[in-house]
């Protein structure tokens, strides 16, 4: 009885409880480590502080879900108030692409379409960088250059020479087009494509143009009627050329997809 009284006065936790908590948490998906577990008792209540390692490439939402899972995992071991501290860590399976995304995240930059290949023992990396659409070319280029330098410095000395890094800069869409702007773009695209019939005699007409805003980017789809007897290889070449011409003329369009169809079904 005296020992229990002293333990209560000293906020002592049952022997082995921190280890049981750590073992339980380490088995959870997304938890790389459970480094520090502190347990104290106040009266009949337990309080647990735990520090876990999480993949540094995870988004805030993913890390938050892991934290919730850790809280639930601890409470399955002991009924307690739980405080979870999270530290970003490199995962054992982290790839080159993950590392490049980490470097971009450290600078608060949004990137996508990361690609890399090796040629004659030298590494070549390419990626798309999204910047505020209000930035000047000078400011946008400075951000790209800083990220390029980070990538080169971090990958240099791996035995393959200095890597070649190429960054494509594009605006990060922040405005959602209004209904009238979409209708105007639909009319403009349809008129433009139909105006190309002189350059592409295979094209009979362009119709059913649709414009959508997907993840703050403008996406266009349309149908193009062509002679049904044309070989599919030629149809592919023409649709590719038409899509390229549309993107050149309307830089606000992120992606255009042309659906070719024979004239008898148009």
C-alpha atoms as a PDB file:
ATOM      1  CA  UNK A   1       0.000   0.000   0.000  1.00  0.00           C
ATOM      2  CA  UNK A   2       2.858   2.329   0.793  1.00  0.00           C
ATOM      3  CA  UNK A   3       4.520   1.637  -2.575  1.00  0.00           C
ATOM      4  CA  UNK A   4       1.272   2.359  -4.435  1.00  0.00           C
ATOM      5  CA  UNK A   5       0.910   5.597  -2.515  1.00  0.00           C
ATOM      6  CA  UNK A   6       4.480   6.686  -3.342  1.00  0.00           C
ATOM      7  CA  UNK A   7       4.016   5.753  -7.031  1.00  0.00           C
ATOM      8  CA  UNK A   8       0.857   7.827  -7.200  1.00  0.00           C
ATOM      9  CA  UNK A   9       2.556  10.792  -5.580  1.00  0.00           C
ATOM     10  CA  UNK A  10       5.484  10.505  -8.046  1.00  0.00           C
ATOM     11  CA  UNK A  11       3.197  10.057 -11.102  1.00  0.00           C
ATOM     12  CA  UNK A  12       4.877   6.703 -11.744  1.00  0.00           C
ATOM     13  CA  UNK A  13       3.568   4.531 -14.579  1.00  0.00           C
ATOM     14  CA  UNK A  14       3.300   0.722 -14.460  1.00  0.00           C
ATOM     15  CA  UNK A  15       6.546  -1.002 -15.376  1.00  0.00           C
ATOM     16  CA  UNK A  16       6.753  -1.958 -19.061  1.00  0.00           C
ATOM     17  CA  UNK A  17       3.864   0.243 -20.166  1.00  0.00           C
ATOM     18  CA  UNK A  18       5.991   2.640 -22.294  1.00  0.00           C
ATOM     19  CA  UNK A  19       7.529  -0.320 -24.124  1.00  0.00           C
ATOM     20  CA  UNK A  20       4.114  -1.892 -24.780  1.00  0.00           C
ATOM     21  CA  UNK A  21       2.891   1.401 -26.202  1.00  0.00           C
ATOM     22  CA  UNK A  22       5.962   1.798 -28.421  1.00  0.00           C
ATOM     23  CA  UNK A  23       5.677  -1.772 -29.736  1.00  0.00           C
ATOM     24  CA  UNK A  24       2.009  -1.269 -30.581  1.00  0.00           C
ATOM     25  CA  UNK A  25       2.579   2.054 -32.355  1.00  0.00           C
ATOM     26  CA  UNK A  26       5.511   0.783 -34.452  1.00  0.00           C
ATOM     27  CA  UNK A  27       3.192  -1.741 -36.096  1.00  0.00           C
ATOM     28  CA  UNK A  28       0.936   0.979 -37.505  1.00  0.00           C
ATOM     29  CA  UNK A  29       1.074   1.874 -41.203  1.00  0.00           C
ATOM     30  CA  UNK A  30       3.042   5.040 -41.869  1.00  0.00           C
ATOM     31  CA  UNK A  31       4.964   4.973 -38.572  1.00  0.00           C
ATOM     32  CA  UNK A  32       8.698   4.671 -39.209  1.00  0.00           C
ATOM     33  CA  UNK A  33       9.730   4.809 -35.571  1.00  0.00           C
ATOM     34  CA  UNK A  34       8.466   5.403 -32.053  1.00  0.00           C
ATOM     35  CA  UNK A  35      11.437   7.013 -30.366  1.00  0.00           C
ATOM     36  CA  UNK A  36      10.306   8.540 -27.104  1.00  0.00           C
ATOM     37  CA  UNK A  37       7.365   7.434 -25.017  1.00  0.00           C
ATOM     38  CA  UNK A  38       6.626   9.219 -21.767  1.00  0.00           C
ATOM     39  CA  UNK A  39       3.840   8.036 -19.515  1.00  0.00           C
ATOM     40  CA  UNK A  40       2.690   9.688 -16.336  1.00  0.00           C
ATOM     41  CA  UNK A  41      -0.293   9.229 -14.084  1.00  0.00           C
ATOM     42  CA  UNK A  42      -2.337  11.829 -12.289  1.00  0.00           C
ATOM     43  CA  UNK A  43      -4.849  10.219  -9.996  1.00  0.00           C
ATOM     44  CA  UNK A  44      -6.679   7.626 -12.066  1.00  0.00           C
ATOM     45  CA  UNK A  45      -5.764   9.246 -15.418  1.00  0.00           C
ATOM     46  CA  UNK A  46      -2.791   8.423 -17.669  1.00  0.00           C
ATOM     47  CA  UNK A  47      -1.072  10.930 -19.937  1.00  0.00           C
ATOM     48  CA  UNK A  48       1.084   9.728 -22.837  1.00  0.00           C
ATOM     49  CA  UNK A  49       3.553  11.808 -24.871  1.00  0.00           C
ATOM     50  CA  UNK A  50       4.961   9.951 -27.851  1.00  0.00           C
ATOM     51  CA  UNK A  51       7.328  11.007 -30.642  1.00  0.00           C
ATOM     52  CA  UNK A  52       7.033   9.163 -33.937  1.00  0.00           C
ATOM     53  CA  UNK A  53       8.912   9.273 -37.223  1.00  0.00           C
ATOM     54  CA  UNK A  54       6.792   9.732 -40.369  1.00  0.00           C
ATOM     55  CA  UNK A  55       7.810   9.718 -44.057  1.00  0.00           C
ATOM     56  CA  UNK A  56       9.005  13.182 -44.993  1.00  0.00           C
ATOM     57  CA  UNK A  57       7.351  12.860 -48.404  1.00  0.00           C
ATOM     58  CA  UNK A  58       3.870  12.536 -46.899  1.00  0.00           C
ATOM     59  CA  UNK A  59       1.386  15.385 -47.161  1.00  0.00           C
ATOM     60  CA  UNK A  60       0.013  17.165 -44.099  1.00  0.00           C
ATOM     61  CA  UNK A  61      -3.274  15.301 -44.499  1.00  0.00           C
ATOM     62  CA  UNK A  62      -1.508  11.926 -44.559  1.00  0.00           C
ATOM     63  CA  UNK A  63       0.533  12.771 -41.468  1.00  0.00           C
ATOM     64  CA  UNK A  64      -2.617  13.894 -39.652  1.00  0.00           C
ATOM     65  CA  UNK A  65      -4.277  10.541 -40.387  1.00  0.00           C
ATOM     66  CA  UNK A  66      -1.206   8.733 -39.019  1.00  0.00           C
ATOM     67  CA  UNK A  67      -1.397  10.852 -35.851  1.00  0.00           C
ATOM     68  CA  UNK A  68      -5.055   9.900 -35.384  1.00  0.00           C
ATOM     69  CA  UNK A  69      -4.172   6.219 -35.827  1.00  0.00           C
ATOM     70  CA  UNK A  70      -1.397   6.523 -33.223  1.00  0.00           C
ATOM     71  CA  UNK A  71      -3.776   8.065 -30.696  1.00  0.00           C
ATOM     72  CA  UNK A  72      -6.236   5.222 -31.220  1.00  0.00           C
ATOM     73  CA  UNK A  73      -3.432   2.664 -31.019  1.00  0.00           C
ATOM     74  CA  UNK A  74      -2.202   4.025 -27.689  1.00  0.00           C
ATOM     75  CA  UNK A  75      -5.713   4.058 -26.255  1.00  0.00           C
ATOM     76  CA  UNK A  76      -6.083   0.371 -27.107  1.00  0.00           C
ATOM     77  CA  UNK A  77      -3.149  -0.278 -24.781  1.00  0.00           C
ATOM     78  CA  UNK A  78      -4.143   2.135 -22.016  1.00  0.00           C
ATOM     79  CA  UNK A  79      -6.985   4.601 -21.514  1.00  0.00           C
ATOM     80  CA  UNK A  80      -5.072   7.885 -21.686  1.00  0.00           C
ATOM     81  CA  UNK A  81      -4.865  11.428 -22.982  1.00  0.00           C
ATOM     82  CA  UNK A  82      -2.391  11.192 -25.855  1.00  0.00           C
ATOM     83  CA  UNK A  83      -0.056  13.855 -27.289  1.00  0.00           C
ATOM     84  CA  UNK A  84       1.671  12.857 -30.550  1.00  0.00           C
ATOM     85  CA  UNK A  85       4.818  14.634 -31.781  1.00  0.00           C
ATOM     86  CA  UNK A  86       5.831  13.927 -35.370  1.00  0.00           C
ATOM     87  CA  UNK A  87       9.279  14.166 -36.952  1.00  0.00           C
ATOM     88  CA  UNK A  88       9.895  13.816 -40.719  1.00  0.00           C
ATOM     89  CA  UNK A  89      12.229  10.962 -41.602  1.00  0.00           C
ATOM     90  CA  UNK A  90      13.631   9.407 -44.755  1.00  0.00           C
ATOM     91  CA  UNK A  91      11.927   6.128 -45.584  1.00  0.00           C
ATOM     92  CA  UNK A  92      14.174   3.161 -46.335  1.00  0.00           C
ATOM     93  CA  UNK A  93      12.528   2.818 -49.754  1.00  0.00           C
ATOM     94  CA  UNK A  94      12.725   6.527 -50.607  1.00  0.00           C
ATOM     95  CA  UNK A  95      13.469   7.001 -54.305  1.00  0.00           C
ATOM     96  CA  UNK A  96      15.290   9.689 -56.266  1.00  0.00           C
ATOM     97  CA  UNK A  97      11.917  11.134 -57.229  1.00  0.00           C
ATOM     98  CA  UNK A  98      10.840  11.282 -53.585  1.00  0.00           C
ATOM     99  CA  UNK A  99      14.060  13.109 -52.693  1.00  0.00           C
ATOM    100  CA  UNK A 100      13.512  15.713 -55.418  1.00  0.00           C
ATOM    101  CA  UNK A 101       9.986  16.293 -54.076  1.00  0.00           C
ATOM    102  CA  UNK A 102      11.435  16.731 -50.584  1.00  0.00           C
ATOM    103  CA  UNK A 103      13.826  19.411 -51.864  1.00  0.00           C
ATOM    104  CA  UNK A 104      10.918  21.218 -53.531  1.00  0.00           C
ATOM    105  CA  UNK A 105       8.782  20.986 -50.378  1.00  0.00           C
ATOM    106  CA  UNK A 106      11.582  22.557 -48.323  1.00  0.00           C
ATOM    107  CA  UNK A 107      11.317  25.644 -50.508  1.00  0.00           C
ATOM    108  CA  UNK A 108       7.528  25.575 -50.526  1.00  0.00           C
ATOM    109  CA  UNK A 109       7.428  24.800 -54.254  1.00  0.00           C
ATOM    110  CA  UNK A 110       4.878  22.722 -56.149  1.00  0.00           C
ATOM    111  CA  UNK A 111       6.256  20.318 -58.734  1.00  0.00           C
ATOM    112  CA  UNK A 112       4.933  17.468 -60.856  1.00  0.00           C
ATOM    113  CA  UNK A 113       5.901  15.155 -63.726  1.00  0.00           C
ATOM    114  CA  UNK A 114       9.305  14.353 -62.247  1.00  0.00           C
ATOM    115  CA  UNK A 115      11.358  12.182 -64.599  1.00  0.00           C
ATOM    116  CA  UNK A 116      14.953  10.984 -64.679  1.00  0.00           C
ATOM    117  CA  UNK A 117      17.209   8.828 -66.812  1.00  0.00           C
ATOM    118  CA  UNK A 118      20.881   8.015 -67.176  1.00  0.00           C
ATOM    119  CA  UNK A 119      22.903   8.404 -70.338  1.00  0.00           C
ATOM    120  CA  UNK A 120      26.581   7.460 -70.574  1.00  0.00           C
ATOM    121  CA  UNK A 121      26.737   7.302 -66.795  1.00  0.00           C
ATOM    122  CA  UNK A 122      25.308  10.804 -66.296  1.00  0.00           C
ATOM    123  CA  UNK A 123      22.005  11.516 -64.574  1.00  0.00           C
ATOM    124  CA  UNK A 124      19.413  13.728 -66.278  1.00  0.00           C
ATOM    125  CA  UNK A 125      16.422  14.978 -64.276  1.00  0.00           C
ATOM    126  CA  UNK A 126      13.401  16.847 -65.609  1.00  0.00           C
ATOM    127  CA  UNK A 127      10.399  18.278 -63.794  1.00  0.00           C
ATOM    128  CA  UNK A 128       7.622  20.848 -64.010  1.00  0.00           C
ATOM    129  CA  UNK A 129       7.572  23.715 -61.503  1.00  0.00           C
ATOM    130  CA  UNK A 130       4.340  25.573 -60.746  1.00  0.00           C
ATOM    131  CA  UNK A 131       4.740  29.213 -59.704  1.00  0.00           C
ATOM    132  CA  UNK A 132       2.370  32.031 -58.868  1.00  0.00           C
ATOM    133  CA  UNK A 133       0.887  33.292 -62.104  1.00  0.00           C
ATOM    134  CA  UNK A 134       1.558  36.889 -61.022  1.00  0.00           C
ATOM    135  CA  UNK A 135       5.350  36.359 -60.892  1.00  0.00           C
ATOM    136  CA  UNK A 136       7.652  37.879 -63.452  1.00  0.00           C
ATOM    137  CA  UNK A 137       9.934  35.660 -65.506  1.00  0.00           C
ATOM    138  CA  UNK A 138      12.900  36.925 -63.452  1.00  0.00           C
ATOM    139  CA  UNK A 139      11.367  35.870 -60.124  1.00  0.00           C
ATOM    140  CA  UNK A 140      10.072  32.572 -61.469  1.00  0.00           C
ATOM    141  CA  UNK A 141      13.456  31.752 -62.999  1.00  0.00           C
ATOM    142  CA  UNK A 142      15.193  32.526 -59.698  1.00  0.00           C
ATOM    143  CA  UNK A 143      13.003  29.977 -57.896  1.00  0.00           C
ATOM    144  CA  UNK A 144      13.698  27.386 -60.580  1.00  0.00           C
ATOM    145  CA  UNK A 145      17.434  28.046 -60.418  1.00  0.00           C
ATOM    146  CA  UNK A 146      17.488  27.679 -56.626  1.00  0.00           C
ATOM    147  CA  UNK A 147      15.745  24.320 -56.885  1.00  0.00           C
ATOM    148  CA  UNK A 148      18.057  23.202 -59.704  1.00  0.00           C
ATOM    149  CA  UNK A 149      21.079  24.049 -57.538  1.00  0.00           C
ATOM    150  CA  UNK A 150      19.615  22.118 -54.593  1.00  0.00           C
ATOM    151  CA  UNK A 151      19.123  19.041 -56.757  1.00  0.00           C
ATOM    152  CA  UNK A 152      22.592  19.241 -58.322  1.00  0.00           C
ATOM    153  CA  UNK A 153      24.345  19.731 -54.981  1.00  0.00           C
ATOM    154  CA  UNK A 154      22.457  16.920 -53.276  1.00  0.00           C
ATOM    155  CA  UNK A 155      23.070  14.418 -56.085  1.00  0.00           C
ATOM    156  CA  UNK A 156      26.656  15.387 -56.921  1.00  0.00           C
ATOM    157  CA  UNK A 157      29.360  12.972 -55.887  1.00  0.00           C
ATOM    158  CA  UNK A 158      27.297   9.854 -56.479  1.00  0.00           C
ATOM    159  CA  UNK A 159      29.826   8.631 -59.026  1.00  0.00           C
ATOM    160  CA  UNK A 160      27.872   9.730 -62.081  1.00  0.00           C
ATOM    161  CA  UNK A 161      29.191  13.278 -62.390  1.00  0.00           C
ATOM    162  CA  UNK A 162      27.197  16.456 -61.977  1.00  0.00           C
ATOM    163  CA  UNK A 163      23.546  15.798 -62.846  1.00  0.00           C
ATOM    164  CA  UNK A 164      21.818  17.766 -65.578  1.00  0.00           C
ATOM    165  CA  UNK A 165      18.578  19.325 -64.287  1.00  0.00           C
ATOM    166  CA  UNK A 166      15.930  20.869 -66.537  1.00  0.00           C
ATOM    167  CA  UNK A 167      12.879  22.604 -65.078  1.00  0.00           C
ATOM    168  CA  UNK A 168       9.809  23.591 -67.055  1.00  0.00           C
ATOM    169  CA  UNK A 169       8.148  26.638 -65.460  1.00  0.00           C
ATOM    170  CA  UNK A 170       4.385  27.010 -65.646  1.00  0.00           C
ATOM    171  CA  UNK A 171       1.790  29.138 -63.845  1.00  0.00           C
ATOM    172  CA  UNK A 172       0.043  27.714 -60.812  1.00  0.00           C
ATOM    173  CA  UNK A 173      -3.628  28.258 -61.569  1.00  0.00           C
ATOM    174  CA  UNK A 174      -5.294  30.231 -58.808  1.00  0.00           C
ATOM    175  CA  UNK A 175      -8.367  31.637 -60.490  1.00  0.00           C
ATOM    176  CA  UNK A 176     -11.422  29.642 -61.501  1.00  0.00           C
ATOM    177  CA  UNK A 177     -12.895  30.822 -64.818  1.00  0.00           C
ATOM    178  CA  UNK A 178     -16.463  32.089 -64.731  1.00  0.00           C
ATOM    179  CA  UNK A 179     -19.258  30.606 -66.778  1.00  0.00           C
ATOM    180  CA  UNK A 180     -18.974  33.348 -69.389  1.00  0.00           C
ATOM    181  CA  UNK A 181     -15.198  32.898 -69.667  1.00  0.00           C
ATOM    182  CA  UNK A 182     -15.705  29.176 -70.265  1.00  0.00           C
ATOM    183  CA  UNK A 183     -18.347  29.812 -72.923  1.00  0.00           C
ATOM    184  CA  UNK A 184     -16.089  32.327 -74.630  1.00  0.00           C
ATOM    185  CA  UNK A 185     -13.205  29.815 -74.617  1.00  0.00           C
ATOM    186  CA  UNK A 186     -15.463  27.082 -76.039  1.00  0.00           C
ATOM    187  CA  UNK A 187     -16.464  29.337 -78.936  1.00  0.00           C
ATOM    188  CA  UNK A 188     -12.882  30.494 -79.517  1.00  0.00           C
ATOM    189  CA  UNK A 189     -11.430  26.963 -79.588  1.00  0.00           C
ATOM    190  CA  UNK A 190     -14.131  25.642 -81.901  1.00  0.00           C
ATOM    191  CA  UNK A 191     -13.723  28.573 -84.277  1.00  0.00           C
ATOM    192  CA  UNK A 192      -9.926  28.244 -84.225  1.00  0.00           C
ATOM    193  CA  UNK A 193      -9.872  24.501 -84.941  1.00  0.00           C
ATOM    194  CA  UNK A 194     -12.422  24.785 -87.722  1.00  0.00           C
ATOM    195  CA  UNK A 195     -10.276  27.561 -89.178  1.00  0.00           C
ATOM    196  CA  UNK A 196      -7.433  25.039 -89.591  1.00  0.00           C
ATOM    197  CA  UNK A 197      -9.273  22.987 -92.221  1.00  0.00           C
ATOM    198  CA  UNK A 198      -7.264  24.681 -94.938  1.00  0.00           C
ATOM    199  CA  UNK A 199      -4.034  23.394 -93.388  1.00  0.00           C
ATOM    200  CA  UNK A 200      -5.425  19.974 -92.510  1.00  0.00           C
ATOM    201  CA  UNK A 201      -7.776  18.774 -95.277  1.00  0.00           C
ATOM    202  CA  UNK A 202      -8.480  15.600 -93.286  1.00  0.00           C
ATOM    203  CA  UNK A 203     -10.448  17.689 -90.800  1.00  0.00           C
ATOM    204  CA  UNK A 204     -14.136  18.020 -91.705  1.00  0.00           C
ATOM    205  CA  UNK A 205     -15.341  19.883 -88.613  1.00  0.00           C
ATOM    206  CA  UNK A 206     -14.762  20.404 -84.908  1.00  0.00           C
ATOM    207  CA  UNK A 207     -17.741  20.177 -82.563  1.00  0.00           C
ATOM    208  CA  UNK A 208     -18.799  19.316 -78.996  1.00  0.00           C
ATOM    209  CA  UNK A 209     -16.062  21.448 -77.444  1.00  0.00           C
ATOM    210  CA  UNK A 210     -16.115  21.212 -73.648  1.00  0.00           C
ATOM    211  CA  UNK A 211     -14.040  23.230 -71.196  1.00  0.00           C
ATOM    212  CA  UNK A 212     -13.605  22.300 -67.532  1.00  0.00           C
ATOM    213  CA  UNK A 213     -11.531  23.494 -64.616  1.00  0.00           C
ATOM    214  CA  UNK A 214      -9.817  20.462 -63.064  1.00  0.00           C
ATOM    215  CA  UNK A 215      -7.555  21.056 -60.059  1.00  0.00           C
ATOM    216  CA  UNK A 216      -7.325  24.735 -61.035  1.00  0.00           C
ATOM    217  CA  UNK A 217      -6.216  23.840 -64.558  1.00  0.00           C
ATOM    218  CA  UNK A 218      -8.116  24.323 -67.809  1.00  0.00           C
ATOM    219  CA  UNK A 219      -8.894  21.056 -69.587  1.00  0.00           C
ATOM    220  CA  UNK A 220     -10.518  20.932 -73.033  1.00  0.00           C
ATOM    221  CA  UNK A 221     -12.086  18.054 -74.929  1.00  0.00           C
ATOM    222  CA  UNK A 222     -13.635  18.140 -78.381  1.00  0.00           C
ATOM    223  CA  UNK A 223     -14.744  15.916 -81.269  1.00  0.00           C
ATOM    224  CA  UNK A 224     -13.229  16.196 -84.732  1.00  0.00           C
ATOM    225  CA  UNK A 225     -14.934  14.561 -87.702  1.00  0.00           C
ATOM    226  CA  UNK A 226     -12.670  13.091 -90.397  1.00  0.00           C
ATOM    227  CA  UNK A 227     -12.988  10.766 -93.385  1.00  0.00           C
ATOM    228  CA  UNK A 228     -13.669   7.281 -92.006  1.00  0.00           C
ATOM    229  CA  UNK A 229     -11.406   5.712 -94.641  1.00  0.00           C
ATOM    230  CA  UNK A 230      -8.266   7.462 -93.330  1.00  0.00           C
ATOM    231  CA  UNK A 231      -5.611   5.190 -91.796  1.00  0.00           C
ATOM    232  CA  UNK A 232      -5.466   5.534 -88.025  1.00  0.00           C
ATOM    233  CA  UNK A 233      -1.789   6.514 -88.162  1.00  0.00           C
ATOM    234  CA  UNK A 234      -2.665   9.591 -90.217  1.00  0.00           C
ATOM    235  CA  UNK A 235      -5.583  10.410 -87.941  1.00  0.00           C
ATOM    236  CA  UNK A 236      -3.242  10.271 -84.954  1.00  0.00           C
ATOM    237  CA  UNK A 237      -0.749  12.622 -86.619  1.00  0.00           C
ATOM    238  CA  UNK A 238      -3.484  15.126 -87.464  1.00  0.00           C
ATOM    239  CA  UNK A 239      -5.067  15.110 -83.995  1.00  0.00           C
ATOM    240  CA  UNK A 240      -1.628  15.521 -82.406  1.00  0.00           C
ATOM    241  CA  UNK A 241      -0.881  18.484 -84.656  1.00  0.00           C
ATOM    242  CA  UNK A 242      -4.264  20.064 -83.895  1.00  0.00           C
ATOM    243  CA  UNK A 243      -3.739  19.676 -80.154  1.00  0.00           C
ATOM    244  CA  UNK A 244      -0.300  21.303 -80.446  1.00  0.00           C
ATOM    245  CA  UNK A 245      -1.743  24.232 -82.391  1.00  0.00           C
ATOM    246  CA  UNK A 246      -4.469  24.767 -79.791  1.00  0.00           C
ATOM    247  CA  UNK A 247      -1.993  24.791 -76.895  1.00  0.00           C
ATOM    248  CA  UNK A 248       0.233  27.264 -78.741  1.00  0.00           C
ATOM    249  CA  UNK A 249      -2.679  29.624 -79.354  1.00  0.00           C
ATOM    250  CA  UNK A 250      -4.355  29.223 -75.944  1.00  0.00           C
ATOM    251  CA  UNK A 251      -1.552  28.955 -73.329  1.00  0.00           C
ATOM    252  CA  UNK A 252      -4.104  28.933 -70.493  1.00  0.00           C
ATOM    253  CA  UNK A 253      -5.174  25.443 -71.590  1.00  0.00           C
ATOM    254  CA  UNK A 254      -3.284  22.796 -69.632  1.00  0.00           C
ATOM    255  CA  UNK A 255      -4.508  19.819 -71.625  1.00  0.00           C
ATOM    256  CA  UNK A 256      -6.633  19.227 -74.727  1.00  0.00           C
ATOM    257  CA  UNK A 257      -7.913  15.856 -75.868  1.00  0.00           C
ATOM    258  CA  UNK A 258      -9.371  15.431 -79.355  1.00  0.00           C
ATOM    259  CA  UNK A 259     -11.732  12.552 -80.020  1.00  0.00           C
ATOM    260  CA  UNK A 260     -11.606  11.704 -83.750  1.00  0.00           C
ATOM    261  CA  UNK A 261     -14.691  10.168 -85.329  1.00  0.00           C
ATOM    262  CA  UNK A 262     -15.753   9.234 -88.874  1.00  0.00           C
ATOM    263  CA  UNK A 263     -17.957  11.755 -90.620  1.00  0.00           C
ATOM    264  CA  UNK A 264     -20.849   9.290 -90.883  1.00  0.00           C
ATOM    265  CA  UNK A 265     -21.062   9.130 -87.087  1.00  0.00           C
ATOM    266  CA  UNK A 266     -20.414  12.795 -86.355  1.00  0.00           C
END
